[in-house]
C-alpha atoms as a PDB file:
ATOM      1  CA  MET A   1      69.510 -34.314   3.776  1.00  0.00           C
ATOM      2  CA  SER A   2      67.560 -33.298   0.659  1.00  0.00           C
ATOM      3  CA  THR A   3      68.095 -29.980  -1.132  1.00  0.00           C
ATOM      4  CA  ILE A   4      64.770 -28.553   0.019  1.00  0.00           C
ATOM      5  CA  GLU A   5      65.488 -29.567   3.619  1.00  0.00           C
ATOM      6  CA  LEU A   6      68.887 -27.847   3.388  1.00  0.00           C
ATOM      7  CA  ILE A   7      67.171 -24.707   2.049  1.00  0.00           C
ATOM      8  CA  TYR A   8      64.740 -24.749   4.986  1.00  0.00           C
ATOM      9  CA  VAL A   9      67.548 -25.157   7.530  1.00  0.00           C
ATOM     10  CA  VAL A  10      69.622 -22.371   5.944  1.00  0.00           C
ATOM     11  CA  CYS A  11      66.608 -20.035   5.848  1.00  0.00           C
ATOM     12  CA  LEU A  12      65.751 -20.752   9.466  1.00  0.00           C
ATOM     13  CA  CYS A  13      69.338 -20.168  10.624  1.00  0.00           C
ATOM     14  CA  LEU A  14      69.837 -17.037   8.504  1.00  0.00           C
ATOM     15  CA  GLY A  15      66.546 -15.483   9.593  1.00  0.00           C
ATOM     16  CA  LEU A  16      67.091 -16.134  13.284  1.00  0.00           C
ATOM     17  CA  GLY A  17      70.770 -15.199  13.054  1.00  0.00           C
ATOM     18  CA  PHE A  18      69.942 -11.899  11.398  1.00  0.00           C
ATOM     19  CA  ALA A  19      67.290 -11.123  14.005  1.00  0.00           C
ATOM     20  CA  VAL A  20      69.684 -11.806  16.891  1.00  0.00           C
ATOM     21  CA  LEU A  21      72.525  -9.887  15.231  1.00  0.00           C
ATOM     22  CA  SER A  22      70.226  -6.933  14.549  1.00  0.00           C
ATOM     23  CA  GLY A  23      69.121  -6.925  18.173  1.00  0.00           C
ATOM     24  CA  ILE A  24      72.707  -6.929  19.392  1.00  0.00           C
ATOM     25  CA  MET A  25      73.780  -4.217  16.955  1.00  0.00           C
ATOM     26  CA  ALA A  26      70.799  -2.017  17.864  1.00  0.00           C
ATOM     27  CA  GLY A  27      71.537  -2.364  21.568  1.00  0.00           C
ATOM     28  CA  ALA A  28      68.239  -4.113  22.294  1.00  0.00           C
ATOM     29  CA  PHE A  29      69.902  -6.530  24.704  1.00  0.00           C
ATOM     30  CA  SER A  30      71.979  -3.869  26.439  1.00  0.00           C
ATOM     31  CA  GLY A  31      69.195  -1.371  27.084  1.00  0.00           C
ATOM     32  CA  THR A  32      70.860   1.297  24.937  1.00  0.00           C
ATOM     33  CA  ALA A  33      68.622   1.290  21.842  1.00  0.00           C
ATOM     34  CA  GLU A  34      67.510   4.815  21.060  1.00  0.00           C
ATOM     35  CA  ALA A  35      67.084   7.306  18.268  1.00  0.00           C
ATOM     36  CA  HIS A  36      67.081  11.066  18.039  1.00  0.00           C
ATOM     37  CA  VAL A  37      64.925  13.293  15.898  1.00  0.00           C
ATOM     38  CA  ASP A  38      65.853  16.794  14.747  1.00  0.00           C
ATOM     39  CA  VAL A  39      62.944  18.823  13.461  1.00  0.00           C
ATOM     40  CA  GLY A  40      63.741  22.352  12.419  1.00  0.00           C
ATOM     41  CA  GLY A  41      66.645  22.424  14.849  1.00  0.00           C
ATOM     42  CA  SER A  42      64.511  21.107  17.701  1.00  0.00           C
ATOM     43  CA  HIS A  43      65.753  17.895  19.247  1.00  0.00           C
ATOM     44  CA  VAL A  44      63.519  15.173  20.614  1.00  0.00           C
ATOM     45  CA  ASP A  45      64.433  11.711  21.899  1.00  0.00           C
ATOM     46  CA  MET A  46      61.969   9.318  20.364  1.00  0.00           C
ATOM     47  CA  GLY A  47      62.951   5.675  20.572  1.00  0.00           C
ATOM     48  CA  HIS A  48      64.392   3.419  17.922  1.00  0.00           C
ATOM     49  CA  GLY A  49      63.135   3.842  14.357  1.00  0.00           C
ATOM     50  CA  VAL A  50      60.785   6.780  14.745  1.00  0.00           C
ATOM     51  CA  GLU A  51      61.388   9.885  12.669  1.00  0.00           C
ATOM     52  CA  GLY A  52      58.205  11.864  13.056  1.00  0.00           C
ATOM     53  CA  HIS A  53      56.405   9.960  10.268  1.00  0.00           C
ATOM     54  CA  VAL A  54      55.327   6.370  10.396  1.00  0.00           C
ATOM     55  CA  HIS A  55      55.570   4.211   7.313  1.00  0.00           C
ATOM     56  CA  PHE A  56      54.263   0.674   6.920  1.00  0.00           C
ATOM     57  CA  PRO A  57      57.498  -1.370   7.269  1.00  0.00           C
ATOM     58  CA  LEU A  58      56.575  -4.217   4.895  1.00  0.00           C
ATOM     59  CA  LEU A  59      60.054  -4.536   3.378  1.00  0.00           C
ATOM     60  CA  SER A  60      62.040  -3.693   6.498  1.00  0.00           C
ATOM     61  CA  PRO A  61      64.937  -5.940   7.533  1.00  0.00           C
ATOM     62  CA  VAL A  62      62.888  -7.186  10.484  1.00  0.00           C
ATOM     63  CA  THR A  63      59.963  -8.342   8.361  1.00  0.00           C
ATOM     64  CA  ILE A  64      62.255  -9.864   5.734  1.00  0.00           C
ATOM     65  CA  SER A  65      64.179 -11.816   8.379  1.00  0.00           C
ATOM     66  CA  MET A  66      60.891 -12.963   9.914  1.00  0.00           C
ATOM     67  CA  PHE A  67      59.727 -14.170   6.498  1.00  0.00           C
ATOM     68  CA  VAL A  68      62.962 -16.081   5.892  1.00  0.00           C
ATOM     69  CA  ALA A  69      63.070 -17.641   9.379  1.00  0.00           C
ATOM     70  CA  THR A  70      59.368 -18.563   9.316  1.00  0.00           C
ATOM     71  CA  PHE A  71      59.673 -20.025   5.821  1.00  0.00           C
ATOM     72  CA  GLY A  72      62.491 -22.287   7.016  1.00  0.00           C
ATOM     73  CA  GLY A  73      60.802 -23.243  10.256  1.00  0.00           C
ATOM     74  CA  LEU A  74      57.402 -23.957   8.746  1.00  0.00           C
ATOM     75  CA  GLY A  75      58.986 -25.818   5.852  1.00  0.00           C
ATOM     76  CA  LEU A  76      60.785 -28.144   8.239  1.00  0.00           C
ATOM     77  CA  LEU A  77      57.636 -28.579  10.312  1.00  0.00           C
ATOM     78  CA  PHE A  78      55.399 -29.351   7.340  1.00  0.00           C
ATOM     79  CA  MET A  79      57.970 -31.605   5.682  1.00  0.00           C
ATOM     80  CA  LYS A  80      59.414 -33.538   8.635  1.00  0.00           C
ATOM     81  CA  VAL A  81      56.669 -33.585  11.248  1.00  0.00           C
ATOM     82  CA  LEU A  82      53.545 -33.580   9.109  1.00  0.00           C
ATOM     83  CA  GLY A  83      55.075 -35.403   6.134  1.00  0.00           C
ATOM     84  CA  TRP A  84      53.400 -33.213   3.506  1.00  0.00           C
ATOM     85  CA  PRO A  85      54.385 -33.603  -0.159  1.00  0.00           C
ATOM     86  CA  THR A  86      56.889 -31.084  -1.614  1.00  0.00           C
ATOM     87  CA  ALA A  87      54.337 -28.877  -3.387  1.00  0.00           C
ATOM     88  CA  GLY A  88      52.233 -28.750  -0.222  1.00  0.00           C
ATOM     89  CA  HIS A  89      54.959 -27.868   2.265  1.00  0.00           C
ATOM     90  CA  VAL A  90      56.639 -25.312  -0.042  1.00  0.00           C
ATOM     91  CA  THR A  91      53.332 -23.567  -0.768  1.00  0.00           C
ATOM     92  CA  ALA A  92      52.190 -23.650   2.859  1.00  0.00           C
ATOM     93  CA  SER A  93      55.589 -22.362   4.025  1.00  0.00           C
ATOM     94  CA  ILE A  94      55.470 -19.401   1.637  1.00  0.00           C
ATOM     95  CA  VAL A  95      51.893 -18.516   2.607  1.00  0.00           C
ATOM     96  CA  GLY A  96      52.575 -18.946   6.328  1.00  0.00           C
ATOM     97  CA  ALA A  97      55.798 -16.950   6.190  1.00  0.00           C
ATOM     98  CA  GLY A  98      54.054 -14.185   4.262  1.00  0.00           C
ATOM     99  CA  ALA A  99      51.294 -14.038   6.859  1.00  0.00           C
ATOM    100  CA  VAL A 100      53.782 -13.882   9.740  1.00  0.00           C
ATOM    101  CA  ALA A 101      55.874 -11.186   8.005  1.00  0.00           C
ATOM    102  CA  PHE A 102      52.745  -9.144   7.280  1.00  0.00           C
ATOM    103  CA  ALA A 103      51.609  -9.506  10.898  1.00  0.00           C
ATOM    104  CA  VAL A 104      55.023  -8.379  12.168  1.00  0.00           C
ATOM    105  CA  ALA A 105      54.987  -5.390   9.781  1.00  0.00           C
ATOM    106  CA  TRP A 106      51.487  -4.449  10.958  1.00  0.00           C
ATOM    107  CA  LEU A 107      52.524  -4.768  14.606  1.00  0.00           C
ATOM    108  CA  LEU A 108      55.607  -2.589  14.043  1.00  0.00           C
ATOM    109  CA  TYR A 109      53.465  -0.035  12.230  1.00  0.00           C
ATOM    110  CA  LYS A 110      51.025   0.103  15.151  1.00  0.00           C
ATOM    111  CA  VAL A 111      53.813   0.367  17.740  1.00  0.00           C
ATOM    112  CA  PHE A 112      55.596   3.142  15.829  1.00  0.00           C
ATOM    113  CA  GLN A 113      52.295   4.915  15.224  1.00  0.00           C
ATOM    114  CA  ALA A 114      51.525   4.879  18.937  1.00  0.00           C
ATOM    115  CA  THR A 115      55.000   6.033  19.945  1.00  0.00           C
ATOM    116  CA  SER A 116      55.004   8.825  17.386  1.00  0.00           C
ATOM    117  CA  ALA A 117      51.713  10.286  18.634  1.00  0.00           C
ATOM    118  CA  GLY A 118      53.722  12.756  20.708  1.00  0.00           C
ATOM    119  CA  ALA A 119      56.321  13.291  17.985  1.00  0.00           C
ATOM    120  CA  PRO A 120      57.086  16.795  16.900  1.00  0.00           C
ATOM    121  CA  PRO A 121      55.367  17.866  13.694  1.00  0.00           C
ATOM    122  CA  ASP A 122      57.095  17.887  10.348  1.00  0.00           C
ATOM    123  CA  ALA A 123      59.331  20.947   9.962  1.00  0.00           C
ATOM    124  CA  ALA A 124      57.560  21.910   6.731  1.00  0.00           C
ATOM    125  CA  GLU A 125      54.361  22.479   8.730  1.00  0.00           C
ATOM    126  CA  ALA A 126      55.994  25.582  10.219  1.00  0.00           C
ATOM    127  CA  ILE A 127      56.151  27.448   6.911  1.00  0.00           C
ATOM    128  CA  GLY A 128      53.649  30.322   6.899  1.00  0.00           C
ATOM    129  CA  ARG A 129      53.105  30.223  10.665  1.00  0.00           C
ATOM    130  CA  GLU A 130      53.557  33.098  13.025  1.00  0.00           C
ATOM    131  CA  ALA A 131      56.435  32.879  15.478  1.00  0.00           C
ATOM    132  CA  GLU A 132      58.134  34.988  18.105  1.00  0.00           C
ATOM    133  CA  VAL A 133      61.822  35.841  18.276  1.00  0.00           C
ATOM    134  CA  THR A 134      63.123  34.376  21.540  1.00  0.00           C
ATOM    135  CA  VAL A 135      66.824  35.069  21.034  1.00  0.00           C
ATOM    136  CA  PRO A 136      67.564  38.354  19.224  1.00  0.00           C
ATOM    137  CA  ILE A 137      68.508  37.983  15.569  1.00  0.00           C
ATOM    138  CA  PRO A 138      71.573  40.138  14.859  1.00  0.00           C
ATOM    139  CA  HIS A 139      72.267  41.882  11.518  1.00  0.00           C
ATOM    140  CA  GLN A 140      73.083  39.094   9.020  1.00  0.00           C
ATOM    141  CA  GLY A 141      73.181  36.720  11.987  1.00  0.00           C
ATOM    142  CA  LEU A 142      71.372  33.856  13.605  1.00  0.00           C
ATOM    143  CA  GLY A 143      68.880  34.037  16.452  1.00  0.00           C
ATOM    144  CA  GLU A 144      66.057  31.820  17.628  1.00  0.00           C
ATOM    145  CA  ILE A 145      62.296  31.717  17.205  1.00  0.00           C
ATOM    146  CA  ALA A 146      59.517  29.876  19.013  1.00  0.00           C
ATOM    147  CA  PHE A 147      56.321  28.732  17.330  1.00  0.00           C
ATOM    148  CA  THR A 148      53.489  26.299  17.857  1.00  0.00           C
ATOM    149  CA  VAL A 149      52.396  23.514  15.504  1.00  0.00           C
ATOM    150  CA  GLY A 150      49.385  21.604  16.764  1.00  0.00           C
ATOM    151  CA  GLU A 151      49.878  21.414  20.500  1.00  0.00           C
ATOM    152  CA  THR A 152      53.662  21.370  20.303  1.00  0.00           C
ATOM    153  CA  ARG A 153      55.783  24.441  20.981  1.00  0.00           C
ATOM    154  CA  LEU A 154      59.058  24.334  19.091  1.00  0.00           C
ATOM    155  CA  THR A 155      62.154  26.490  18.973  1.00  0.00           C
ATOM    156  CA  SER A 156      64.495  26.754  16.036  1.00  0.00           C
ATOM    157  CA  PRO A 157      67.422  28.775  14.722  1.00  0.00           C
ATOM    158  CA  ALA A 158      66.265  31.666  12.548  1.00  0.00           C
ATOM    159  CA  LYS A 159      67.491  34.621  10.564  1.00  0.00           C
ATOM    160  CA  THR A 160      65.666  37.372   8.754  1.00  0.00           C
ATOM    161  CA  GLU A 161      65.138  37.090   5.010  1.00  0.00           C
ATOM    162  CA  ASP A 162      66.457  40.634   4.493  1.00  0.00           C
ATOM    163  CA  GLY A 163      69.396  40.305   6.919  1.00  0.00           C
ATOM    164  CA  LYS A 164      68.115  42.969   9.328  1.00  0.00           C
ATOM    165  CA  GLU A 165      68.279  42.539  13.076  1.00  0.00           C
ATOM    166  CA  LEU A 166      65.241  41.819  15.202  1.00  0.00           C
ATOM    167  CA  PRO A 167      64.978  42.087  18.991  1.00  0.00           C
ATOM    168  CA  ALA A 168      63.507  39.399  21.220  1.00  0.00           C
ATOM    169  CA  GLN A 169      59.693  39.202  21.452  1.00  0.00           C
ATOM    170  CA  THR A 170      59.257  40.455  17.882  1.00  0.00           C
ATOM    171  CA  PRO A 171      56.384  38.702  16.069  1.00  0.00           C
ATOM    172  CA  VAL A 172      57.475  37.201  12.734  1.00  0.00           C
ATOM    173  CA  ARG A 173      56.170  34.938   9.982  1.00  0.00           C
ATOM    174  CA  ILE A 174      58.158  31.889   8.932  1.00  0.00           C
ATOM    175  CA  ILE A 175      58.830  32.230   5.198  1.00  0.00           C
ATOM    176  CA  ARG A 176      60.918  29.165   4.346  1.00  0.00           C
ATOM    177  CA  GLN A 177      63.448  26.718   5.703  1.00  0.00           C
ATOM    178  CA  VAL A 178      67.100  26.392   4.709  1.00  0.00           C
ATOM    179  CA  GLY A 179      68.671  23.357   6.371  1.00  0.00           C
ATOM    180  CA  THR A 180      67.599  23.574  10.000  1.00  0.00           C
ATOM    181  CA  THR A 181      67.288  27.378   9.944  1.00  0.00           C
ATOM    182  CA  TYR A 182      64.064  29.234   9.257  1.00  0.00           C
ATOM    183  CA  LEU A 183      63.977  32.486   7.324  1.00  0.00           C
ATOM    184  CA  VAL A 184      61.514  34.898   8.906  1.00  0.00           C
ATOM    185  CA  ARG A 185      59.864  38.203   8.057  1.00  0.00           C
ATOM    186  CA  LYS A 186      58.783  40.784  10.657  1.00  0.00           C
ATOM    187  CA  LEU A 187      55.008  41.090  10.923  1.00  0.00           C
ATOM    188  CA  ALA A 188      53.684  44.549  10.095  1.00  0.00           C
END
């Protein structure tokens, strides 16, 4: 077995092994894969890997493992089956693996984009919005507010910026966020 053939075999095994191990560790084969999102104290079950924002996963472990496995598999195919010269099968393997990894990243991006369409908005979008006290806010204490961002109604822990109490159904403005708690000011 030549050095380049050994490299192809190792890449193929490592890439596939990592993909299978990742699937097992994520619970993909047991039906238990899930993720949870907390936005401003609101909790939403979303599905694995979604956090309210979708990023193009070009350098994610999945795309890297797909690149490595495809590089090994294509290299073996081009070298052993098609009998291409070294420069040809190495170059074609890199290009092919890059194309497959990019396609996988694009597919993941599209899937996560579609599944996040109903995701709650970013917590920072609440700043400056009007809200209503749903659970009374005691003096120097914590209550709850409800507010709408887009078409989503959210609830979150809140306290007043001046420490005064506010009864339920009091209209307030969200001033800022500290952790998962919003600081609010009574509307005049």
